[in-house]
């Protein structure tokens, strides 16, 4: 579930607002988007994936809001960690080549 939009990292580009398939975010004129409908978050990580500033943290628990400490999340380098894991972003290497799931499709034919 989306837990953090970092005020120190977010540039207010609103990409997360547009990427979210369940309309969780609300744009704020002259500010950063706010989490307006957290209970609608499906934990799809699309917002975190598309955020160019690694300003979002989505906790892996989809059903329950958990208290998170932004300072600790930053210290543990969890901001944008999903984006990093898939290799999206400047200076990162794509992990798509390591995905062997295509082999399952090849076996079916």
Protein backbone atom coordinates (compact mmCIF):
# COMPACT_ATOMS: atom_id res chain seq x y z
CA UNK A 1 0.00 0.00 0.00
CA UNK A 2 1.31 3.50 -0.79
CA UNK A 3 2.69 4.96 2.41
CA UNK A 4 4.98 7.88 1.58
CA UNK A 5 5.26 10.76 -0.87
CA UNK A 6 8.53 12.36 0.20
CA UNK A 7 8.34 16.12 0.52
CA UNK A 8 12.11 16.38 0.23
CA UNK A 9 12.35 14.35 -3.01
CA UNK A 10 9.08 14.98 -4.84
CA UNK A 11 9.18 17.65 -7.55
CA UNK A 12 5.42 17.79 -8.04
CA UNK A 13 5.55 16.37 -11.58
CA UNK A 14 2.30 14.43 -10.92
CA UNK A 15 3.45 11.38 -12.89
CA UNK A 16 2.25 9.22 -10.00
CA UNK A 17 -1.19 10.81 -10.23
CA UNK A 18 -1.45 9.75 -13.87
CA UNK A 19 0.20 6.34 -13.45
CA UNK A 20 -2.07 5.15 -10.65
CA UNK A 21 -4.81 2.90 -12.04
CA UNK A 22 -7.03 3.35 -8.99
CA UNK A 23 -6.84 7.15 -8.63
CA UNK A 24 -5.20 7.09 -5.19
CA UNK A 25 -3.42 10.45 -5.57
CA UNK A 26 -4.76 13.96 -5.78
CA UNK A 27 -2.73 16.74 -7.41
CA UNK A 28 -2.09 19.81 -5.29
CA UNK A 29 -1.67 23.13 -7.07
CA UNK A 30 1.88 24.37 -6.48
CA UNK A 31 2.70 21.41 -4.24
CA UNK A 32 3.29 17.70 -4.17
CA UNK A 33 0.50 15.18 -4.76
CA UNK A 34 -1.25 13.90 -1.70
CA UNK A 35 -2.40 10.38 -0.93
CA UNK A 36 -6.13 11.03 -1.04
CA UNK A 37 -7.59 7.52 -1.23
CA UNK A 38 -5.02 5.22 0.36
CA UNK A 39 -7.59 2.47 0.91
CA UNK A 40 -7.96 2.20 -2.89
CA UNK A 41 -4.27 1.35 -3.37
CA UNK A 42 -3.83 -2.07 -4.98
CA UNK A 43 -0.06 -2.21 -4.27
CA UNK A 44 0.67 -2.46 -8.00
CA UNK A 45 3.82 -0.31 -7.57
CA UNK A 46 3.06 1.65 -10.78
CA UNK A 47 3.43 5.00 -8.99
CA UNK A 48 6.78 3.98 -7.49
CA UNK A 49 7.93 2.55 -10.81
CA UNK A 50 7.23 5.71 -12.78
CA UNK A 51 8.45 8.25 -10.18
CA UNK A 52 11.64 9.76 -11.66
CA UNK A 53 12.78 11.05 -8.26
CA UNK A 54 12.35 7.85 -6.19
CA UNK A 55 10.08 9.92 -3.96
CA UNK A 56 7.53 7.21 -3.21
CA UNK A 57 7.43 4.22 -0.93
CA UNK A 58 4.89 1.45 -1.42
CA UNK A 59 4.81 -1.06 1.43
CA UNK A 60 4.35 -4.61 0.16
CA UNK A 61 1.27 -5.22 2.35
CA UNK A 62 -1.74 -4.53 0.13
CA UNK A 63 -4.45 -4.94 2.74
CA UNK A 64 -3.42 -2.90 5.75
CA UNK A 65 -1.91 0.54 6.27
CA UNK A 66 1.32 0.23 8.24
CA UNK A 67 3.08 2.98 10.13
CA UNK A 68 6.37 3.77 8.45
CA UNK A 69 9.07 6.22 9.39
CA UNK A 70 10.28 8.18 6.36
CA UNK A 71 13.71 8.75 7.91
CA UNK A 72 14.20 5.00 8.36
CA UNK A 73 12.81 4.22 4.90
CA UNK A 74 15.34 6.64 3.40
CA UNK A 75 18.17 5.30 5.57
CA UNK A 76 17.37 1.73 4.51
CA UNK A 77 17.25 2.94 0.86
CA UNK A 78 13.68 1.76 0.39
CA UNK A 79 12.43 4.86 -1.41
CA UNK A 80 11.93 3.75 -5.01
CA UNK A 81 13.27 0.29 -4.21
CA UNK A 82 10.87 -1.43 -6.62
CA UNK A 83 12.01 0.86 -9.43
CA UNK A 84 15.59 0.05 -8.57
CA UNK A 85 14.89 -3.70 -8.45
CA UNK A 86 13.56 -3.70 -12.01
CA UNK A 87 16.39 -1.49 -13.22
CA UNK A 88 14.41 1.60 -14.16
CA UNK A 89 16.15 4.94 -13.88
CA UNK A 90 19.35 6.65 -14.83
CA UNK A 91 22.46 4.62 -14.06
CA UNK A 92 20.52 1.41 -13.41
CA UNK A 93 20.74 -1.80 -15.39
CA UNK A 94 17.52 -3.45 -16.53
CA UNK A 95 16.79 -6.77 -14.88
CA UNK A 96 14.53 -7.96 -17.72
CA UNK A 97 17.27 -10.21 -19.09
CA UNK A 98 17.33 -12.10 -15.80
CA UNK A 99 13.62 -12.92 -16.07
CA UNK A 100 13.35 -16.51 -17.29
CA UNK A 101 9.54 -16.66 -17.27
CA UNK A 102 9.55 -16.60 -21.09
CA UNK A 103 10.86 -20.17 -20.90
CA UNK A 104 7.48 -21.29 -19.59
CA UNK A 105 5.84 -19.94 -22.73
CA UNK A 106 8.35 -21.70 -24.94
CA UNK A 107 7.64 -25.06 -23.26
CA UNK A 108 3.91 -24.71 -23.92
CA UNK A 109 4.45 -24.84 -27.70
